[in-house]
Amino acid sequence: MKKDGWFASLQNLTWLTQLGLSLTVPPVLCLLLAGWLAEKFLLGPWVWLAAILLGLGASGCTFAEFMRMFLRRSGRRPPETGPEAGSNSGGPGDAPNGSRPHSTGQTDQTGGLGSGPKTK
């Protein structure tokens, strides 16, 4: 096998190991924290439910981010979401084409912010 093949295999094994740890550690830590909180402050069983939901949510976010990274590295593009996706939210203050208006920071002759110095 070529050196590149071994390196790629070891790199994939590293990613797989990291993914496994990243998916199991948050729920385990949340459950340990819930056990400590329930014992220390005599809290009810709702703490366990909250810990399970929080841990699974953190693992889900980690898995989603891993899949985006994996798709990016493999050459396929994941579906774009969020503010960086370039969607036009149409909120207050948005320009019609989705870009935000901005000033140049230069003052006009009246001392206020404007589009720059006036020409005569």
PDB file of N, CA and C in Angstrom:
ATOM      1  N   MET A   1       0.841  -1.170   0.000  1.00  0.00           N
ATOM      2  CA  MET A   1       0.000   0.000   0.000  1.00  0.00           C
ATOM      3  C   MET A   1       0.891   1.240   0.000  1.00  0.00           C
ATOM      4  N   LYS A   2       0.428   2.288  -0.672  1.00  0.00           N
ATOM      5  CA  LYS A   2       1.197   3.516  -0.728  1.00  0.00           C
ATOM      6  C   LYS A   2       1.187   4.214   0.625  1.00  0.00           C
ATOM      7  N   LYS A   3       2.143   5.114   0.773  1.00  0.00           N
ATOM      8  CA  LYS A   3       2.215   5.889   2.008  1.00  0.00           C
ATOM      9  C   LYS A   3       0.966   6.753   2.176  1.00  0.00           C
ATOM     10  N   ASP A   4       0.476   7.304   1.064  1.00  0.00           N
ATOM     11  CA  ASP A   4      -0.731   8.120   1.134  1.00  0.00           C
ATOM     12  C   ASP A   4      -1.931   7.290   1.581  1.00  0.00           C
ATOM     13  N   GLY A   5      -1.997   6.045   1.164  1.00  0.00           N
ATOM     14  CA  GLY A   5      -3.093   5.178   1.561  1.00  0.00           C
ATOM     15  C   GLY A   5      -3.080   4.896   3.047  1.00  0.00           C
ATOM     16  N   TRP A   6      -1.894   4.623   3.596  1.00  0.00           N
ATOM     17  CA  TRP A   6      -1.787   4.394   5.042  1.00  0.00           C
ATOM     18  C   TRP A   6      -2.144   5.657   5.815  1.00  0.00           C
ATOM     19  N   PHE A   7      -1.639   6.778   5.342  1.00  0.00           N
ATOM     20  CA  PHE A   7      -1.922   8.032   6.035  1.00  0.00           C
ATOM     21  C   PHE A   7      -3.416   8.332   6.013  1.00  0.00           C
ATOM     22  N   ALA A   8      -4.051   8.121   4.865  1.00  0.00           N
ATOM     23  CA  ALA A   8      -5.489   8.368   4.760  1.00  0.00           C
ATOM     24  C   ALA A   8      -6.268   7.424   5.672  1.00  0.00           C
ATOM     25  N   SER A   9      -5.833   6.153   5.744  1.00  0.00           N
ATOM     26  CA  SER A   9      -6.512   5.192   6.612  1.00  0.00           C
ATOM     27  C   SER A   9      -6.384   5.587   8.077  1.00  0.00           C
ATOM     28  N   LEU A  10      -5.182   5.981   8.483  1.00  0.00           N
ATOM     29  CA  LEU A  10      -4.984   6.406   9.872  1.00  0.00           C
ATOM     30  C   LEU A  10      -5.761   7.689  10.181  1.00  0.00           C
ATOM     31  N   GLN A  11      -5.829   8.575   9.203  1.00  0.00           N
ATOM     32  CA  GLN A  11      -6.581   9.811   9.415  1.00  0.00           C
ATOM     33  C   GLN A  11      -8.077   9.503   9.564  1.00  0.00           C
ATOM     34  N   ASN A  12      -8.587   8.601   8.749  1.00  0.00           N
ATOM     35  CA  ASN A  12      -9.997   8.211   8.872  1.00  0.00           C
ATOM     36  C   ASN A  12     -10.272   7.527  10.200  1.00  0.00           C
ATOM     37  N   LEU A  13      -9.339   6.691  10.659  1.00  0.00           N
ATOM     38  CA  LEU A  13      -9.482   6.036  11.960  1.00  0.00           C
ATOM     39  C   LEU A  13      -9.492   7.077  13.084  1.00  0.00           C
ATOM     40  N   THR A  14      -8.664   8.093  12.954  1.00  0.00           N
ATOM     41  CA  THR A  14      -8.626   9.172  13.941  1.00  0.00           C
ATOM     42  C   THR A  14      -9.957   9.916  13.972  1.00  0.00           C
ATOM     43  N   TRP A  15     -10.506  10.219  12.789  1.00  0.00           N
ATOM     44  CA  TRP A  15     -11.790  10.919  12.730  1.00  0.00           C
ATOM     45  C   TRP A  15     -12.904  10.076  13.339  1.00  0.00           C
ATOM     46  N   LEU A  16     -12.877   8.772  13.058  1.00  0.00           N
ATOM     47  CA  LEU A  16     -13.909   7.881  13.592  1.00  0.00           C
ATOM     48  C   LEU A  16     -13.826   7.792  15.118  1.00  0.00           C
ATOM     49  N   THR A  17     -12.612   7.695  15.635  1.00  0.00           N
ATOM     50  CA  THR A  17     -12.417   7.654  17.090  1.00  0.00           C
ATOM     51  C   THR A  17     -12.880   8.962  17.734  1.00  0.00           C
ATOM     52  N   GLN A  18     -12.514  10.076  17.108  1.00  0.00           N
ATOM     53  CA  GLN A  18     -12.913  11.376  17.641  1.00  0.00           C
ATOM     54  C   GLN A  18     -14.433  11.526  17.622  1.00  0.00           C
ATOM     55  N   LEU A  19     -15.063  11.058  16.567  1.00  0.00           N
ATOM     56  CA  LEU A  19     -16.520  11.133  16.487  1.00  0.00           C
ATOM     57  C   LEU A  19     -17.161  10.308  17.602  1.00  0.00           C
ATOM     58  N   GLY A  20     -16.647   9.114  17.826  1.00  0.00           N
ATOM     59  CA  GLY A  20     -17.190   8.270  18.891  1.00  0.00           C
ATOM     60  C   GLY A  20     -17.083   8.929  20.255  1.00  0.00           C
ATOM     61  N   LEU A  21     -15.931   9.513  20.531  1.00  0.00           N
ATOM     62  CA  LEU A  21     -15.760  10.203  21.813  1.00  0.00           C
ATOM     63  C   LEU A  21     -16.652  11.438  21.907  1.00  0.00           C
ATOM     64  N   SER A  22     -16.744  12.167  20.811  1.00  0.00           N
ATOM     65  CA  SER A  22     -17.546  13.394  20.822  1.00  0.00           C
ATOM     66  C   SER A  22     -19.035  13.106  20.971  1.00  0.00           C
ATOM     67  N   LEU A  23     -19.463  11.919  20.567  1.00  0.00           N
ATOM     68  CA  LEU A  23     -20.879  11.581  20.709  1.00  0.00           C
ATOM     69  C   LEU A  23     -21.210  10.983  22.075  1.00  0.00           C
ATOM     70  N   THR A  24     -20.264  10.323  22.725  1.00  0.00           N
ATOM     71  CA  THR A  24     -20.559   9.663  23.996  1.00  0.00           C
ATOM     72  C   THR A  24     -20.245  10.521  25.221  1.00  0.00           C
ATOM     73  N   VAL A  25     -19.272  11.399  25.126  1.00  0.00           N
ATOM     74  CA  VAL A  25     -18.856  12.168  26.308  1.00  0.00           C
ATOM     75  C   VAL A  25     -19.935  13.140  26.800  1.00  0.00           C
ATOM     76  N   PRO A  26     -20.602  13.934  25.940  1.00  0.00           N
ATOM     77  CA  PRO A  26     -21.596  14.878  26.482  1.00  0.00           C
ATOM     78  C   PRO A  26     -22.723  14.218  27.274  1.00  0.00           C
ATOM     79  N   PRO A  27     -23.355  13.126  26.794  1.00  0.00           N
ATOM     80  CA  PRO A  27     -24.405  12.533  27.633  1.00  0.00           C
ATOM     81  C   PRO A  27     -23.881  11.964  28.942  1.00  0.00           C
ATOM     82  N   VAL A  28     -22.695  11.367  28.903  1.00  0.00           N
ATOM     83  CA  VAL A  28     -22.127  10.798  30.129  1.00  0.00           C
ATOM     84  C   VAL A  28     -21.837  11.907  31.139  1.00  0.00           C
ATOM     85  N   LEU A  29     -21.226  12.999  30.678  1.00  0.00           N
ATOM     86  CA  LEU A  29     -20.938  14.100  31.600  1.00  0.00           C
ATOM     87  C   LEU A  29     -22.220  14.733  32.135  1.00  0.00           C
ATOM     88  N   CYS A  30     -23.219  14.872  31.287  1.00  0.00           N
ATOM     89  CA  CYS A  30     -24.499  15.432  31.755  1.00  0.00           C
ATOM     90  C   CYS A  30     -25.151  14.533  32.796  1.00  0.00           C
ATOM     91  N   LEU A  31     -25.087  13.220  32.597  1.00  0.00           N
ATOM     92  CA  LEU A  31     -25.668  12.301  33.581  1.00  0.00           C
ATOM     93  C   LEU A  31     -24.883  12.316  34.891  1.00  0.00           C
ATOM     94  N   LEU A  32     -23.564  12.400  34.810  1.00  0.00           N
ATOM     95  CA  LEU A  32     -22.766  12.507  36.041  1.00  0.00           C
ATOM     96  C   LEU A  32     -23.096  13.793  36.797  1.00  0.00           C
ATOM     97  N   LEU A  33     -23.232  14.881  36.058  1.00  0.00           N
ATOM     98  CA  LEU A  33     -23.580  16.156  36.692  1.00  0.00           C
ATOM     99  C   LEU A  33     -24.981  16.093  37.297  1.00  0.00           C
ATOM    100  N   ALA A  34     -25.904  15.449  36.602  1.00  0.00           N
ATOM    101  CA  ALA A  34     -27.275  15.313  37.126  1.00  0.00           C
ATOM    102  C   ALA A  34     -27.286  14.488  38.407  1.00  0.00           C
ATOM    103  N   GLY A  35     -26.498  13.425  38.443  1.00  0.00           N
ATOM    104  CA  GLY A  35     -26.410  12.615  39.661  1.00  0.00           C
ATOM    105  C   GLY A  35     -25.864  13.408  40.823  1.00  0.00           C
ATOM    106  N   TRP A  36     -24.839  14.204  40.556  1.00  0.00           N
ATOM    107  CA  TRP A  36     -24.261  15.026  41.619  1.00  0.00           C
ATOM    108  C   TRP A  36     -25.257  16.071  42.097  1.00  0.00           C
ATOM    109  N   LEU A  37     -25.930  16.739  41.145  1.00  0.00           N
ATOM    110  CA  LEU A  37     -26.918  17.757  41.519  1.00  0.00           C
ATOM    111  C   LEU A  37     -28.083  17.154  42.296  1.00  0.00           C
ATOM    112  N   ALA A  38     -28.565  15.987  41.858  1.00  0.00           N
ATOM    113  CA  ALA A  38     -29.698  15.350  42.534  1.00  0.00           C
ATOM    114  C   ALA A  38     -29.329  14.947  43.952  1.00  0.00           C
ATOM    115  N   GLU A  39     -28.101  14.505  44.151  1.00  0.00           N
ATOM    116  CA  GLU A  39     -27.665  14.083  45.492  1.00  0.00           C
ATOM    117  C   GLU A  39     -27.356  15.286  46.381  1.00  0.00           C
ATOM    118  N   LYS A  40     -26.697  16.277  45.831  1.00  0.00           N
ATOM    119  CA  LYS A  40     -26.253  17.432  46.614  1.00  0.00           C
ATOM    120  C   LYS A  40     -27.428  18.321  47.030  1.00  0.00           C
ATOM    121  N   PHE A  41     -28.345  18.584  46.105  1.00  0.00           N
ATOM    122  CA  PHE A  41     -29.420  19.529  46.371  1.00  0.00           C
ATOM    123  C   PHE A  41     -30.787  18.858  46.514  1.00  0.00           C
ATOM    124  N   LEU A  42     -30.831  17.543  46.556  1.00  0.00           N
ATOM    125  CA  LEU A  42     -32.066  16.778  46.719  1.00  0.00           C
ATOM    126  C   LEU A  42     -33.127  17.174  45.682  1.00  0.00           C
ATOM    127  N   LEU A  43     -32.695  17.199  44.429  1.00  0.00           N
ATOM    128  CA  LEU A  43     -33.598  17.561  43.343  1.00  0.00           C
ATOM    129  C   LEU A  43     -34.344  16.327  42.859  1.00  0.00           C
ATOM    130  N   GLY A  44     -35.445  16.537  42.228  1.00  0.00           N
ATOM    131  CA  GLY A  44     -36.287  15.443  41.763  1.00  0.00           C
ATOM    132  C   GLY A  44     -35.770  14.786  40.491  1.00  0.00           C
ATOM    133  N   PRO A  45     -36.557  13.870  39.964  1.00  0.00           N
ATOM    134  CA  PRO A  45     -36.143  13.129  38.766  1.00  0.00           C
ATOM    135  C   PRO A  45     -36.115  13.969  37.488  1.00  0.00           C
ATOM    136  N   TRP A  46     -36.668  15.174  37.543  1.00  0.00           N
ATOM    137  CA  TRP A  46     -36.635  16.036  36.368  1.00  0.00           C
ATOM    138  C   TRP A  46     -35.210  16.384  35.966  1.00  0.00           C
ATOM    139  N   VAL A  47     -34.272  16.359  36.921  1.00  0.00           N
ATOM    140  CA  VAL A  47     -32.872  16.676  36.618  1.00  0.00           C
ATOM    141  C   VAL A  47     -32.296  15.626  35.663  1.00  0.00           C
ATOM    142  N   TRP A  48     -32.696  14.357  35.877  1.00  0.00           N
ATOM    143  CA  TRP A  48     -32.195  13.290  35.014  1.00  0.00           C
ATOM    144  C   TRP A  48     -32.719  13.463  33.591  1.00  0.00           C
ATOM    145  N   LEU A  49     -33.986  13.812  33.462  1.00  0.00           N
ATOM    146  CA  LEU A  49     -34.572  14.017  32.147  1.00  0.00           C
ATOM    147  C   LEU A  49     -33.899  15.196  31.432  1.00  0.00           C
ATOM    148  N   ALA A  50     -33.687  16.274  32.161  1.00  0.00           N
ATOM    149  CA  ALA A  50     -33.017  17.440  31.577  1.00  0.00           C
ATOM    150  C   ALA A  50     -31.600  17.084  31.138  1.00  0.00           C
ATOM    151  N   ALA A  51     -30.896  16.290  31.936  1.00  0.00           N
ATOM    152  CA  ALA A  51     -29.527  15.904  31.594  1.00  0.00           C
ATOM    153  C   ALA A  51     -29.498  15.030  30.347  1.00  0.00           C
ATOM    154  N   ILE A  52     -30.444  14.110  30.247  1.00  0.00           N
ATOM    155  CA  ILE A  52     -30.487  13.243  29.068  1.00  0.00           C
ATOM    156  C   ILE A  52     -30.768  14.065  27.813  1.00  0.00           C
ATOM    157  N   LEU A  53     -31.746  14.970  27.887  1.00  0.00           N
ATOM    158  CA  LEU A  53     -32.070  15.800  26.727  1.00  0.00           C
ATOM    159  C   LEU A  53     -30.908  16.711  26.343  1.00  0.00           C
ATOM    160  N   LEU A  54     -30.272  17.309  27.327  1.00  0.00           N
ATOM    161  CA  LEU A  54     -29.144  18.189  27.058  1.00  0.00           C
ATOM    162  C   LEU A  54     -27.973  17.419  26.453  1.00  0.00           C
ATOM    163  N   GLY A  55     -27.673  16.254  26.992  1.00  0.00           N
ATOM    164  CA  GLY A  55     -26.578  15.450  26.469  1.00  0.00           C
ATOM    165  C   GLY A  55     -26.830  14.957  25.058  1.00  0.00           C
ATOM    166  N   LEU A  56     -28.065  14.499  24.788  1.00  0.00           N
ATOM    167  CA  LEU A  56     -28.396  14.047  23.441  1.00  0.00           C
ATOM    168  C   LEU A  56     -28.415  15.208  22.449  1.00  0.00           C
ATOM    169  N   GLY A  57     -28.859  16.364  22.904  1.00  0.00           N
ATOM    170  CA  GLY A  57     -28.833  17.545  22.037  1.00  0.00           C
ATOM    171  C   GLY A  57     -27.418  17.950  21.669  1.00  0.00           C
ATOM    172  N   ALA A  58     -26.519  17.916  22.651  1.00  0.00           N
ATOM    173  CA  ALA A  58     -25.114  18.244  22.374  1.00  0.00           C
ATOM    174  C   ALA A  58     -24.497  17.230  21.417  1.00  0.00           C
ATOM    175  N   SER A  59     -24.823  15.959  21.593  1.00  0.00           N
ATOM    176  CA  SER A  59     -24.305  14.929  20.688  1.00  0.00           C
ATOM    177  C   SER A  59     -24.868  15.109  19.279  1.00  0.00           C
ATOM    178  N   GLY A  60     -26.128  15.468  19.178  1.00  0.00           N
ATOM    179  CA  GLY A  60     -26.731  15.704  17.871  1.00  0.00           C
ATOM    180  C   GLY A  60     -26.091  16.865  17.136  1.00  0.00           C
ATOM    181  N   CYS A  61     -25.811  17.945  17.861  1.00  0.00           N
ATOM    182  CA  CYS A  61     -25.130  19.091  17.243  1.00  0.00           C
ATOM    183  C   CYS A  61     -23.725  18.710  16.790  1.00  0.00           C
ATOM    184  N   THR A  62     -23.039  17.931  17.605  1.00  0.00           N
ATOM    185  CA  THR A  62     -21.700  17.474  17.242  1.00  0.00           C
ATOM    186  C   THR A  62     -21.751  16.609  15.986  1.00  0.00           C
ATOM    187  N   PHE A  63     -22.731  15.703  15.909  1.00  0.00           N
ATOM    188  CA  PHE A  63     -22.852  14.837  14.740  1.00  0.00           C
ATOM    189  C   PHE A  63     -23.167  15.643  13.486  1.00  0.00           C
ATOM    190  N   ALA A  64     -24.053  16.626  13.602  1.00  0.00           N
ATOM    191  CA  ALA A  64     -24.400  17.454  12.448  1.00  0.00           C
ATOM    192  C   ALA A  64     -23.176  18.227  11.954  1.00  0.00           C
ATOM    193  N   GLU A  65     -22.408  18.780  12.870  1.00  0.00           N
ATOM    194  CA  GLU A  65     -21.202  19.520  12.488  1.00  0.00           C
ATOM    195  C   GLU A  65     -20.167  18.586  11.863  1.00  0.00           C
ATOM    196  N   PHE A  66     -20.049  17.369  12.380  1.00  0.00           N
ATOM    197  CA  PHE A  66     -19.126  16.398  11.803  1.00  0.00           C
ATOM    198  C   PHE A  66     -19.548  16.048  10.375  1.00  0.00           C
ATOM    199  N   MET A  67     -20.834  15.865  10.156  1.00  0.00           N
ATOM    200  CA  MET A  67     -21.303  15.524   8.811  1.00  0.00           C
ATOM    201  C   MET A  67     -21.057  16.671   7.833  1.00  0.00           C
ATOM    202  N   ARG A  68     -21.250  17.911   8.276  1.00  0.00           N
ATOM    203  CA  ARG A  68     -20.944  19.057   7.405  1.00  0.00           C
ATOM    204  C   ARG A  68     -19.462  19.066   7.038  1.00  0.00           C
ATOM    205  N   MET A  69     -18.606  18.832   8.032  1.00  0.00           N
ATOM    206  CA  MET A  69     -17.169  18.811   7.773  1.00  0.00           C
ATOM    207  C   MET A  69     -16.821  17.663   6.839  1.00  0.00           C
ATOM    208  N   PHE A  70     -17.416  16.497   7.047  1.00  0.00           N
ATOM    209  CA  PHE A  70     -17.127  15.333   6.217  1.00  0.00           C
ATOM    210  C   PHE A  70     -17.557  15.577   4.770  1.00  0.00           C
ATOM    211  N   LEU A  71     -18.732  16.164   4.583  1.00  0.00           N
ATOM    212  CA  LEU A  71     -19.197  16.462   3.228  1.00  0.00           C
ATOM    213  C   LEU A  71     -18.324  17.513   2.554  1.00  0.00           C
ATOM    214  N   ARG A  72     -17.870  18.498   3.306  1.00  0.00           N
ATOM    215  CA  ARG A  72     -16.970  19.512   2.761  1.00  0.00           C
ATOM    216  C   ARG A  72     -15.667  18.879   2.303  1.00  0.00           C
ATOM    217  N   ARG A  73     -15.096  17.993   3.126  1.00  0.00           N
ATOM    218  CA  ARG A  73     -13.826  17.350   2.792  1.00  0.00           C
ATOM    219  C   ARG A  73     -13.959  16.385   1.628  1.00  0.00           C
ATOM    220  N   SER A  74     -15.121  15.769   1.466  1.00  0.00           N
ATOM    221  CA  SER A  74     -15.299  14.797   0.393  1.00  0.00           C
ATOM    222  C   SER A  74     -15.623  15.469  -0.943  1.00  0.00           C
ATOM    223  N   GLY A  75     -15.787  16.772  -0.945  1.00  0.00           N
ATOM    224  CA  GLY A  75     -16.045  17.487  -2.178  1.00  0.00           C
ATOM    225  C   GLY A  75     -17.507  17.777  -2.414  1.00  0.00           C
ATOM    226  N   ARG A  76     -18.383  17.195  -1.630  1.00  0.00           N
ATOM    227  CA  ARG A  76     -19.806  17.494  -1.741  1.00  0.00           C
ATOM    228  C   ARG A  76     -20.129  18.634  -0.803  1.00  0.00           C
ATOM    229  N   ARG A  77     -21.038  19.479  -1.204  1.00  0.00           N
ATOM    230  CA  ARG A  77     -21.396  20.622  -0.371  1.00  0.00           C
ATOM    231  C   ARG A  77     -22.636  20.301   0.436  1.00  0.00           C
ATOM    232  N   PRO A  78     -22.584  20.520   1.755  1.00  0.00           N
ATOM    233  CA  PRO A  78     -23.796  20.327   2.564  1.00  0.00           C
ATOM    234  C   PRO A  78     -24.789  21.444   2.283  1.00  0.00           C
ATOM    235  N   PRO A  79     -26.054  21.232   2.569  1.00  0.00           N
ATOM    236  CA  PRO A  79     -27.026  22.314   2.388  1.00  0.00           C
ATOM    237  C   PRO A  79     -26.673  23.479   3.298  1.00  0.00           C
ATOM    238  N   GLU A  80     -26.672  24.669   2.731  1.00  0.00           N
ATOM    239  CA  GLU A  80     -26.285  25.845   3.504  1.00  0.00           C
ATOM    240  C   GLU A  80     -27.455  26.319   4.347  1.00  0.00           C
ATOM    241  N   THR A  81     -27.155  26.607   5.600  1.00  0.00           N
ATOM    242  CA  THR A  81     -28.165  27.127   6.514  1.00  0.00           C
ATOM    243  C   THR A  81     -27.557  28.251   7.313  1.00  0.00           C
ATOM    244  N   GLY A  82     -28.384  29.003   7.965  1.00  0.00           N
ATOM    245  CA  GLY A  82     -27.907  30.051   8.857  1.00  0.00           C
ATOM    246  C   GLY A  82     -27.688  31.360   8.126  1.00  0.00           C
ATOM    247  N   PRO A  83     -27.161  32.350   8.847  1.00  0.00           N
ATOM    248  CA  PRO A  83     -26.992  33.681   8.275  1.00  0.00           C
ATOM    249  C   PRO A  83     -25.953  33.728   7.157  1.00  0.00           C
ATOM    250  N   GLU A  84     -24.980  32.821   7.160  1.00  0.00           N
ATOM    251  CA  GLU A  84     -23.963  32.848   6.123  1.00  0.00           C
ATOM    252  C   GLU A  84     -24.432  32.222   4.823  1.00  0.00           C
ATOM    253  N   ALA A  85     -25.644  31.704   4.789  1.00  0.00           N
ATOM    254  CA  ALA A  85     -26.170  31.044   3.594  1.00  0.00           C
ATOM    255  C   ALA A  85     -26.560  32.041   2.514  1.00  0.00           C
ATOM    256  N   GLY A  86     -26.671  33.323   2.856  1.00  0.00           N
ATOM    257  CA  GLY A  86     -27.004  34.324   1.862  1.00  0.00           C
ATOM    258  C   GLY A  86     -28.493  34.459   1.618  1.00  0.00           C
ATOM    259  N   SER A  87     -29.305  33.943   2.513  1.00  0.00           N
ATOM    260  CA  SER A  87     -30.747  34.076   2.319  1.00  0.00           C
ATOM    261  C   SER A  87     -31.174  35.481   2.700  1.00  0.00           C
ATOM    262  N   ASN A  88     -32.195  35.952   2.041  1.00  0.00           N
ATOM    263  CA  ASN A  88     -32.711  37.279   2.309  1.00  0.00           C
ATOM    264  C   ASN A  88     -33.789  37.169   3.372  1.00  0.00           C
ATOM    265  N   SER A  89     -33.485  37.662   4.567  1.00  0.00           N
ATOM    266  CA  SER A  89     -34.441  37.538   5.660  1.00  0.00           C
ATOM    267  C   SER A  89     -35.557  38.554   5.550  1.00  0.00           C
ATOM    268  N   GLY A  90     -35.304  39.669   4.875  1.00  0.00           N
ATOM    269  CA  GLY A  90     -36.340  40.678   4.709  1.00  0.00           C
ATOM    270  C   GLY A  90     -36.672  41.397   5.990  1.00  0.00           C
ATOM    271  N   GLY A  91     -35.775  41.373   6.948  1.00  0.00           N
ATOM    272  CA  GLY A  91     -36.013  42.032   8.216  1.00  0.00           C
ATOM    273  C   GLY A  91     -35.889  43.534   8.097  1.00  0.00           C
ATOM    274  N   PRO A  92     -36.179  44.242   9.167  1.00  0.00           N
ATOM    275  CA  PRO A  92     -36.086  45.693   9.136  1.00  0.00           C
ATOM    276  C   PRO A  92     -34.648  46.132   8.916  1.00  0.00           C
ATOM    277  N   GLY A  93     -34.468  47.091   8.044  1.00  0.00           N
ATOM    278  CA  GLY A  93     -33.139  47.620   7.765  1.00  0.00           C
ATOM    279  C   GLY A  93     -32.407  46.880   6.670  1.00  0.00           C
ATOM    280  N   ASP A  94     -32.992  45.812   6.153  1.00  0.00           N
ATOM    281  CA  ASP A  94     -32.341  45.079   5.072  1.00  0.00           C
ATOM    282  C   ASP A  94     -32.560  45.809   3.761  1.00  0.00           C
ATOM    283  N   ALA A  95     -31.540  45.803   2.947  1.00  0.00           N
ATOM    284  CA  ALA A  95     -31.660  46.350   1.606  1.00  0.00           C
ATOM    285  C   ALA A  95     -32.446  45.356   0.753  1.00  0.00           C
ATOM    286  N   PRO A  96     -33.048  45.791  -0.331  1.00  0.00           N
ATOM    287  CA  PRO A  96     -33.874  44.887  -1.133  1.00  0.00           C
ATOM    288  C   PRO A  96     -33.128  43.669  -1.669  1.00  0.00           C
ATOM    289  N   ASN A  97     -31.837  43.799  -1.953  1.00  0.00           N
ATOM    290  CA  ASN A  97     -31.107  42.667  -2.512  1.00  0.00           C
ATOM    291  C   ASN A  97     -30.472  41.777  -1.450  1.00  0.00           C
ATOM    292  N   GLY A  98     -30.740  42.017  -0.183  1.00  0.00           N
ATOM    293  CA  GLY A  98     -30.213  41.172   0.880  1.00  0.00           C
ATOM    294  C   GLY A  98     -28.927  41.690   1.481  1.00  0.00           C
ATOM    295  N   SER A  99     -28.295  42.680   0.849  1.00  0.00           N
ATOM    296  CA  SER A  99     -27.066  43.214   1.433  1.00  0.00           C
ATOM    297  C   SER A  99     -27.431  44.317   2.410  1.00  0.00           C
ATOM    298  N   ARG A 100     -26.608  44.509   3.373  1.00  0.00           N
ATOM    299  CA  ARG A 100     -26.880  45.521   4.388  1.00  0.00           C
ATOM    300  C   ARG A 100     -26.251  46.844   3.970  1.00  0.00           C
ATOM    301  N   PRO A 101     -26.998  47.942   4.087  1.00  0.00           N
ATOM    302  CA  PRO A 101     -26.414  49.243   3.788  1.00  0.00           C
ATOM    303  C   PRO A 101     -25.396  49.613   4.860  1.00  0.00           C
ATOM    304  N   HIS A 102     -24.368  50.294   4.458  1.00  0.00           N
ATOM    305  CA  HIS A 102     -23.350  50.706   5.424  1.00  0.00           C
ATOM    306  C   HIS A 102     -22.806  52.068   5.027  1.00  0.00           C
ATOM    307  N   SER A 103     -22.301  52.775   6.008  1.00  0.00           N
ATOM    308  CA  SER A 103     -21.702  54.068   5.720  1.00  0.00           C
ATOM    309  C   SER A 103     -20.200  53.890   5.569  1.00  0.00           C
ATOM    310  N   THR A 104     -19.575  54.834   4.928  1.00  0.00           N
ATOM    311  CA  THR A 104     -18.133  54.747   4.686  1.00  0.00           C
ATOM    312  C   THR A 104     -17.335  55.209   5.879  1.00  0.00           C
ATOM    313  N   GLY A 105     -17.984  55.820   6.839  1.00  0.00           N
ATOM    314  CA  GLY A 105     -17.272  56.290   8.015  1.00  0.00           C
ATOM    315  C   GLY A 105     -16.663  57.668   7.808  1.00  0.00           C
ATOM    316  N   GLN A 106     -16.797  58.222   6.627  1.00  0.00           N
ATOM    317  CA  GLN A 106     -16.264  59.552   6.366  1.00  0.00           C
ATOM    318  C   GLN A 106     -17.335  60.581   6.685  1.00  0.00           C
ATOM    319  N   THR A 107     -16.926  61.711   7.142  1.00  0.00           N
ATOM    320  CA  THR A 107     -17.889  62.748   7.485  1.00  0.00           C
ATOM    321  C   THR A 107     -18.075  63.703   6.314  1.00  0.00           C
ATOM    322  N   ASP A 108     -19.293  64.206   6.190  1.00  0.00           N
ATOM    323  CA  ASP A 108     -19.525  65.207   5.150  1.00  0.00           C
ATOM    324  C   ASP A 108     -19.230  66.589   5.731  1.00  0.00           C
ATOM    325  N   GLN A 109     -19.509  67.594   4.981  1.00  0.00           N
ATOM    326  CA  GLN A 109     -19.121  68.937   5.395  1.00  0.00           C
ATOM    327  C   GLN A 109     -19.935  69.442   6.579  1.00  0.00           C
ATOM    328  N   THR A 110     -21.058  68.832   6.870  1.00  0.00           N
ATOM    329  CA  THR A 110     -21.854  69.280   8.007  1.00  0.00           C
ATOM    330  C   THR A 110     -21.406  68.601   9.293  1.00  0.00           C
ATOM    331  N   GLY A 111     -20.482  67.661   9.231  1.00  0.00           N
ATOM    332  CA  GLY A 111     -19.964  67.021  10.417  1.00  0.00           C
ATOM    333  C   GLY A 111     -20.609  65.683  10.717  1.00  0.00           C
ATOM    334  N   GLY A 112     -21.652  65.326  10.005  1.00  0.00           N
ATOM    335  CA  GLY A 112     -22.303  64.035  10.249  1.00  0.00           C
ATOM    336  C   GLY A 112     -21.746  62.958   9.337  1.00  0.00           C
ATOM    337  N   LEU A 113     -22.175  61.739   9.572  1.00  0.00           N
ATOM    338  CA  LEU A 113     -21.754  60.652   8.695  1.00  0.00           C
ATOM    339  C   LEU A 113     -22.521  60.748   7.396  1.00  0.00           C
ATOM    340  N   GLY A 114     -21.821  60.558   6.318  1.00  0.00           N
ATOM    341  CA  GLY A 114     -22.477  60.651   5.024  1.00  0.00           C
ATOM    342  C   GLY A 114     -21.788  59.755   4.035  1.00  0.00           C
ATOM    343  N   SER A 115     -21.936  60.083   2.786  1.00  0.00           N
ATOM    344  CA  SER A 115     -21.364  59.244   1.741  1.00  0.00           C
ATOM    345  C   SER A 115     -19.957  59.695   1.375  1.00  0.00           C
ATOM    346  N   GLY A 116     -19.342  60.534   2.155  1.00  0.00           N
ATOM    347  CA  GLY A 116     -17.968  60.964   1.889  1.00  0.00           C
ATOM    348  C   GLY A 116     -17.916  62.470   1.666  1.00  0.00           C
ATOM    349  N   PRO A 117     -16.744  62.950   1.361  1.00  0.00           N
ATOM    350  CA  PRO A 117     -16.607  64.398   1.166  1.00  0.00           C
ATOM    351  C   PRO A 117     -17.345  64.848  -0.089  1.00  0.00           C
ATOM    352  N   LYS A 118     -17.898  66.031  -0.002  1.00  0.00           N
ATOM    353  CA  LYS A 118     -18.644  66.578  -1.138  1.00  0.00           C
ATOM    354  C   LYS A 118     -17.664  67.197  -2.116  1.00  0.00           C
ATOM    355  N   THR A 119     -17.952  67.012  -3.370  1.00  0.00           N
ATOM    356  CA  THR A 119     -17.116  67.627  -4.412  1.00  0.00           C
ATOM    357  C   THR A 119     -17.758  68.912  -4.871  1.00  0.00           C
ATOM    358  N   LYS A 120     -16.933  69.845  -5.273  1.00  0.00           N
ATOM    359  CA  LYS A 120     -17.460  71.137  -5.718  1.00  0.00           C
ATOM    360  C   LYS A 120     -17.464  71.233  -7.208  1.00  0.00           C
TER     361      LYS A 120
END
